[in-house]
Amino acid sequence: MTRGLLTLLAFVSTVLFPWPFTALLTLGLSLVEPLVPLAVGLFADTLYFTAQAGSLPRFTIYGAVVTALAFLVRSRLKTSIIGG
């Protein structure tokens, strides 16, 4: 229940709050839900797309990098907890 509410808050913060708050919230939430940064990045790029800004989906790329790092950290933590 709390994970869902925090995920919803991350999407709402993309619209209502400045990007540093959204980035911190999404980064913290990525430890629990690793796909949230990618989803929020896709949402932000879709929401704030302008043709004049260029064709590089910057938020999606950042979200994909954070998602990959979150999966890497989670796999290392699971291995060390189970193996140790």
C-alpha atoms as a PDB file:
ATOM      1  CA  MET A   1       0.000   0.000   0.000  1.00  0.00           C
ATOM      2  CA  THR A   2       2.758   2.435   0.935  1.00  0.00           C
ATOM      3  CA  ARG A   3       4.783   1.592  -2.187  1.00  0.00           C
ATOM      4  CA  GLY A   4       1.793   2.392  -4.368  1.00  0.00           C
ATOM      5  CA  LEU A   5       1.197   5.698  -2.637  1.00  0.00           C
ATOM      6  CA  LEU A   6       4.858   6.670  -2.950  1.00  0.00           C
ATOM      7  CA  THR A   7       4.805   5.744  -6.629  1.00  0.00           C
ATOM      8  CA  LEU A   8       1.725   7.881  -7.135  1.00  0.00           C
ATOM      9  CA  LEU A   9       3.422  10.718  -5.241  1.00  0.00           C
ATOM     10  CA  ALA A  10       6.417  10.459  -7.585  1.00  0.00           C
ATOM     11  CA  PHE A  11       4.147  10.908 -10.601  1.00  0.00           C
ATOM     12  CA  VAL A  12       2.263  13.777  -8.991  1.00  0.00           C
ATOM     13  CA  SER A  13       5.521  15.466  -7.988  1.00  0.00           C
ATOM     14  CA  THR A  14       6.580  15.431 -11.644  1.00  0.00           C
ATOM     15  CA  VAL A  15       3.735  17.822 -12.350  1.00  0.00           C
ATOM     16  CA  LEU A  16       3.528  19.880  -9.150  1.00  0.00           C
ATOM     17  CA  PHE A  17       6.986  20.093  -7.591  1.00  0.00           C
ATOM     18  CA  PRO A  18      10.437  21.117  -8.853  1.00  0.00           C
ATOM     19  CA  TRP A  19      12.617  18.476 -10.478  1.00  0.00           C
ATOM     20  CA  PRO A  20      15.110  18.102  -7.568  1.00  0.00           C
ATOM     21  CA  PHE A  21      12.319  16.925  -5.258  1.00  0.00           C
ATOM     22  CA  THR A  22      11.057  14.509  -7.891  1.00  0.00           C
ATOM     23  CA  ALA A  23      14.580  13.216  -8.527  1.00  0.00           C
ATOM     24  CA  LEU A  24      15.250  12.610  -4.822  1.00  0.00           C
ATOM     25  CA  LEU A  25      11.896  10.941  -4.286  1.00  0.00           C
ATOM     26  CA  THR A  26      12.353   8.718  -7.318  1.00  0.00           C
ATOM     27  CA  LEU A  27      15.923   7.857  -6.375  1.00  0.00           C
ATOM     28  CA  GLY A  28      14.853   6.843  -2.870  1.00  0.00           C
ATOM     29  CA  LEU A  29      11.905   4.904  -4.192  1.00  0.00           C
ATOM     30  CA  SER A  30      14.096   3.034  -6.672  1.00  0.00           C
ATOM     31  CA  LEU A  31      15.573   0.985  -3.834  1.00  0.00           C
ATOM     32  CA  VAL A  32      12.130  -0.504  -3.206  1.00  0.00           C
ATOM     33  CA  GLU A  33      10.579  -0.332  -6.684  1.00  0.00           C
ATOM     34  CA  PRO A  34      13.341  -0.381  -9.327  1.00  0.00           C
ATOM     35  CA  LEU A  35      11.157   0.409 -12.356  1.00  0.00           C
ATOM     36  CA  VAL A  36       9.754   3.656 -10.969  1.00  0.00           C
ATOM     37  CA  PRO A  37      12.612   5.885 -12.275  1.00  0.00           C
ATOM     38  CA  LEU A  38      12.108   4.603 -15.818  1.00  0.00           C
ATOM     39  CA  ALA A  39       8.343   5.114 -15.622  1.00  0.00           C
ATOM     40  CA  VAL A  40       8.680   8.623 -14.168  1.00  0.00           C
ATOM     41  CA  GLY A  41      11.292   9.476 -16.820  1.00  0.00           C
ATOM     42  CA  LEU A  42       8.969   8.339 -19.613  1.00  0.00           C
ATOM     43  CA  PHE A  43       6.123  10.300 -18.033  1.00  0.00           C
ATOM     44  CA  ALA A  44       8.219  13.471 -17.721  1.00  0.00           C
ATOM     45  CA  ASP A  45       9.464  13.243 -21.306  1.00  0.00           C
ATOM     46  CA  THR A  46       5.944  12.698 -22.570  1.00  0.00           C
ATOM     47  CA  LEU A  47       4.569  15.524 -20.481  1.00  0.00           C
ATOM     48  CA  TYR A  48       7.234  18.135 -21.223  1.00  0.00           C
ATOM     49  CA  PHE A  49       8.154  17.251 -24.822  1.00  0.00           C
ATOM     50  CA  THR A  50       8.829  20.159 -27.148  1.00  0.00           C
ATOM     51  CA  ALA A  51      10.169  19.807 -30.666  1.00  0.00           C
ATOM     52  CA  GLN A  52      12.528  22.770 -30.238  1.00  0.00           C
ATOM     53  CA  ALA A  53      14.344  21.210 -27.251  1.00  0.00           C
ATOM     54  CA  GLY A  54      15.833  18.406 -29.321  1.00  0.00           C
ATOM     55  CA  SER A  55      15.055  14.799 -29.942  1.00  0.00           C
ATOM     56  CA  LEU A  56      16.994  13.286 -27.028  1.00  0.00           C
ATOM     57  CA  PRO A  57      14.632  11.913 -24.332  1.00  0.00           C
ATOM     58  CA  ARG A  58      16.836  13.042 -21.450  1.00  0.00           C
ATOM     59  CA  PHE A  59      14.573  12.055 -18.528  1.00  0.00           C
ATOM     60  CA  THR A  60      13.993   8.595 -19.989  1.00  0.00           C
ATOM     61  CA  ILE A  61      17.729   8.005 -20.357  1.00  0.00           C
ATOM     62  CA  TYR A  62      18.351   9.154 -16.773  1.00  0.00           C
ATOM     63  CA  GLY A  63      15.516   6.921 -15.584  1.00  0.00           C
ATOM     64  CA  ALA A  64      16.935   3.927 -17.453  1.00  0.00           C
ATOM     65  CA  VAL A  65      20.376   4.470 -15.900  1.00  0.00           C
ATOM     66  CA  VAL A  66      18.936   4.734 -12.386  1.00  0.00           C
ATOM     67  CA  THR A  67      16.766   1.663 -12.996  1.00  0.00           C
ATOM     68  CA  ALA A  68      19.800  -0.339 -14.121  1.00  0.00           C
ATOM     69  CA  LEU A  69      21.731   0.785 -11.049  1.00  0.00           C
ATOM     70  CA  ALA A  70      18.804  -0.081  -8.793  1.00  0.00           C
ATOM     71  CA  PHE A  71      18.606  -3.603 -10.233  1.00  0.00           C
ATOM     72  CA  LEU A  72      22.360  -3.993  -9.804  1.00  0.00           C
ATOM     73  CA  VAL A  73      22.237  -2.858  -6.172  1.00  0.00           C
ATOM     74  CA  ARG A  74      19.256  -5.100  -5.424  1.00  0.00           C
ATOM     75  CA  SER A  75      20.944  -8.137  -6.940  1.00  0.00           C
ATOM     76  CA  ARG A  76      24.125  -7.502  -4.957  1.00  0.00           C
ATOM     77  CA  LEU A  77      22.181  -7.052  -1.720  1.00  0.00           C
ATOM     78  CA  LYS A  78      20.142 -10.222  -2.271  1.00  0.00           C
ATOM     79  CA  THR A  79      23.288 -12.207  -3.015  1.00  0.00           C
ATOM     80  CA  SER A  80      25.132 -10.965   0.046  1.00  0.00           C
ATOM     81  CA  ILE A  81      22.172 -11.472   2.365  1.00  0.00           C
ATOM     82  CA  ILE A  82      21.345 -14.965   1.108  1.00  0.00           C
ATOM     83  CA  GLY A  83      24.962 -16.049   0.688  1.00  0.00           C
ATOM     84  CA  GLY A  84      26.135 -14.667   4.042  1.00  0.00           C
END
